[in-house]
Amino acid sequence: SRNEAIINADVKLDTQGNFSIKHLPPGKANLYVDSDSRIHTEQFTLTEGTPTHIEIDLGSLSTIQGIVKGPENLNTGNVKLYSGQHTLTEIESKDIRKTYQAYIRSGAYSLSIPKPGTYTIVCTIESDDYDIAHKTLVEVVTVEKNDTLELNFEF
């Protein structure tokens, strides 16, 4: 059995950009920071009685953005980003967790990436068109600091 707790906290930053959240239970934790449409995720372990220091740099973001072309009756879709290089089979069979996700809006998407590195991008669309319904495309990219990459998908 998994014990999970979701704690949603709006925090105020001090003049140095610091914040704290107290009285969290020990164990594995995910921190999601959303600031001015910039999103950062950090995974870490909390130890009882020991403060955990995490440094987040929201100032050096890179962006992956693009256009998704599909049938006229494109219903919904999303673009998921995974840290590292993976195949779709690995992602599905090993339960690899996504790092970031963006929804396709008017045929476009944009992902903010806080750390340089290699990422696997999975674009999935759903359509009323039987030949394209539930199609997925996979690309692997390397992101440098302060990069803006254009990555388009065509179904």
Protein backbone atom coordinates (compact mmCIF):
# COMPACT_ATOMS: atom_id res chain seq x y z
CA SER A 1 0.00 0.00 0.00
CA ARG A 2 1.24 3.46 -0.89
CA ASN A 3 0.88 6.33 1.51
CA GLU A 4 0.63 9.60 -0.35
CA ALA A 5 -0.19 13.11 0.68
CA ILE A 6 -0.63 16.09 -1.59
CA ILE A 7 0.18 19.38 0.05
CA ASN A 8 -0.54 22.50 -1.95
CA ALA A 9 1.13 25.59 -0.53
CA ASP A 10 1.33 29.14 -1.83
CA VAL A 11 4.54 30.55 -0.42
CA LYS A 12 6.05 34.02 -0.26
CA LEU A 13 9.69 34.49 -1.13
CA ASP A 14 11.99 36.57 1.05
CA THR A 15 14.32 39.18 -0.45
CA GLN A 16 16.88 36.47 -1.37
CA GLY A 17 14.25 34.26 -3.02
CA ASN A 18 14.07 31.75 -0.15
CA PHE A 19 10.96 30.05 1.20
CA SER A 20 10.22 27.24 3.63
CA ILE A 21 7.46 24.73 4.20
CA LYS A 22 7.45 23.20 7.67
CA HIS A 23 6.01 20.07 9.27
CA LEU A 24 6.19 17.77 6.25
CA PRO A 25 6.26 14.00 6.83
CA PRO A 26 9.49 12.09 6.09
CA GLY A 27 9.78 10.14 2.85
CA LYS A 28 9.99 10.69 -0.87
CA ALA A 29 8.69 14.04 -2.09
CA ASN A 30 8.12 15.92 -5.32
CA LEU A 31 8.30 19.70 -5.37
CA TYR A 32 6.50 21.50 -8.20
CA VAL A 33 7.31 25.19 -8.60
CA ASP A 34 5.16 27.26 -10.95
CA SER A 35 6.17 30.87 -11.44
CA ASP A 36 5.22 33.10 -14.38
CA SER A 37 4.42 30.06 -16.55
CA ARG A 38 7.81 28.56 -15.67
CA ILE A 39 7.50 25.16 -14.09
CA HIS A 40 10.16 23.19 -12.26
CA THR A 41 9.95 19.73 -10.70
CA GLU A 42 12.39 18.39 -8.13
CA GLN A 43 12.35 14.93 -6.54
CA PHE A 44 14.03 14.39 -3.16
CA THR A 45 13.76 12.53 0.15
CA LEU A 46 12.75 14.21 3.41
CA THR A 47 14.42 12.96 6.58
CA GLU A 48 12.78 13.54 9.96
CA GLY A 49 14.45 16.33 11.94
CA THR A 50 16.81 17.30 9.11
CA PRO A 51 16.15 20.43 7.02
CA THR A 52 16.29 19.81 3.26
CA HIS A 53 17.85 22.52 1.09
CA ILE A 54 16.92 22.62 -2.59
CA GLU A 55 18.22 25.22 -5.00
CA ILE A 56 15.99 26.05 -7.95
CA ASP A 57 17.13 28.35 -10.75
CA LEU A 58 14.09 29.61 -12.64
CA GLY A 59 16.15 32.22 -14.45
CA SER A 60 17.97 29.94 -16.89
CA LEU A 61 15.15 28.15 -18.59
CA SER A 62 15.23 26.60 -22.00
CA THR A 63 12.16 26.11 -24.16
CA ILE A 64 11.00 23.35 -26.46
CA GLN A 65 8.10 24.47 -28.60
CA GLY A 66 6.46 23.54 -31.82
CA ILE A 67 3.50 22.94 -34.03
CA VAL A 68 1.51 19.70 -34.13
CA LYS A 69 -0.07 19.03 -37.52
CA GLY A 70 -2.77 16.45 -37.76
CA PRO A 71 -6.21 15.88 -39.19
CA GLU A 72 -8.75 18.68 -39.20
CA ASN A 73 -10.74 16.80 -36.59
CA LEU A 74 -7.86 16.69 -34.08
CA ASN A 75 -9.62 16.42 -30.70
CA THR A 76 -7.01 16.50 -27.97
CA GLY A 77 -3.36 15.90 -27.46
CA ASN A 78 -0.40 16.39 -25.20
CA VAL A 79 3.37 16.52 -25.28
CA LYS A 80 5.17 14.76 -22.42
CA LEU A 81 8.84 15.17 -21.57
CA TYR A 82 10.98 12.52 -19.88
CA SER A 83 14.51 13.01 -18.55
CA GLY A 84 17.05 10.88 -20.40
CA GLN A 85 16.84 8.84 -23.59
CA HIS A 86 14.06 6.22 -23.67
CA THR A 87 11.99 4.25 -26.14
CA LEU A 88 8.21 4.34 -25.93
CA THR A 89 8.28 0.68 -24.83
CA GLU A 90 10.65 1.54 -21.94
CA ILE A 91 8.45 4.44 -20.85
CA GLU A 92 5.32 2.27 -20.86
CA SER A 93 6.83 -0.93 -19.42
CA LYS A 94 9.15 0.55 -16.78
CA ASP A 95 6.65 3.16 -15.56
CA ILE A 96 9.08 6.03 -16.17
CA ARG A 97 7.56 9.21 -14.77
CA LYS A 98 7.17 12.24 -16.96
CA THR A 99 9.16 15.32 -16.04
CA TYR A 100 6.94 17.89 -17.73
CA GLN A 101 3.76 17.96 -19.79
CA ALA A 102 2.13 20.48 -22.10
CA TYR A 103 -1.24 20.32 -23.79
CA ILE A 104 -1.61 21.05 -27.47
CA ARG A 105 -3.53 24.30 -27.87
CA SER A 106 -4.59 25.45 -31.34
CA GLY A 107 -2.02 23.11 -32.83
CA ALA A 108 0.93 24.39 -30.76
CA TYR A 109 2.73 23.49 -27.53
CA SER A 110 5.49 24.95 -25.37
CA LEU A 111 7.58 23.33 -22.61
CA SER A 112 9.88 25.21 -20.22
CA ILE A 113 12.98 23.20 -19.26
CA PRO A 114 15.06 24.34 -16.25
CA LYS A 115 18.04 22.00 -16.69
CA PRO A 116 20.20 21.25 -19.74
CA GLY A 117 20.28 17.59 -20.72
CA THR A 118 18.88 14.87 -22.95
CA TYR A 119 15.12 14.45 -22.99
CA THR A 120 12.65 12.12 -24.64
CA ILE A 121 9.57 13.88 -25.99
CA VAL A 122 6.36 11.91 -26.56
CA CYS A 123 3.59 13.60 -28.57
CA THR A 124 0.17 11.91 -28.48
CA ILE A 125 -2.97 12.97 -30.29
CA GLU A 126 -6.53 11.72 -30.27
CA SER A 127 -8.70 12.13 -33.31
CA ASP A 128 -12.01 11.02 -34.78
CA ASP A 129 -9.97 9.90 -37.80
CA TYR A 130 -9.62 6.11 -37.38
CA ASP A 131 -6.22 6.00 -39.12
CA ILE A 132 -4.72 8.56 -36.74
CA ALA A 133 -6.69 8.04 -33.50
CA HIS A 134 -4.41 7.66 -30.47
CA LYS A 135 -1.17 8.04 -32.44
CA THR A 136 2.13 8.70 -30.69
CA LEU A 137 5.42 10.09 -32.00
CA VAL A 138 8.70 10.02 -30.06
CA GLU A 139 11.78 12.29 -30.42
CA VAL A 140 14.98 12.52 -28.38
CA VAL A 141 16.61 15.96 -28.05
CA THR A 142 19.52 17.53 -26.20
CA VAL A 143 18.79 20.88 -24.57
CA GLU A 144 21.50 23.43 -23.79
CA LYS A 145 21.18 26.21 -21.22
CA ASN A 146 18.92 29.07 -22.40
CA ASP A 147 18.07 27.17 -25.61
CA THR A 148 14.89 27.55 -27.63
CA LEU A 149 14.29 24.43 -29.70
CA GLU A 150 11.64 24.15 -32.39
CA LEU A 151 10.28 20.62 -32.61
CA ASN A 152 7.27 20.03 -34.85
CA PHE A 153 5.20 16.86 -35.11
CA GLU A 154 3.18 15.78 -38.11
CA PHE A 155 0.68 12.92 -37.98
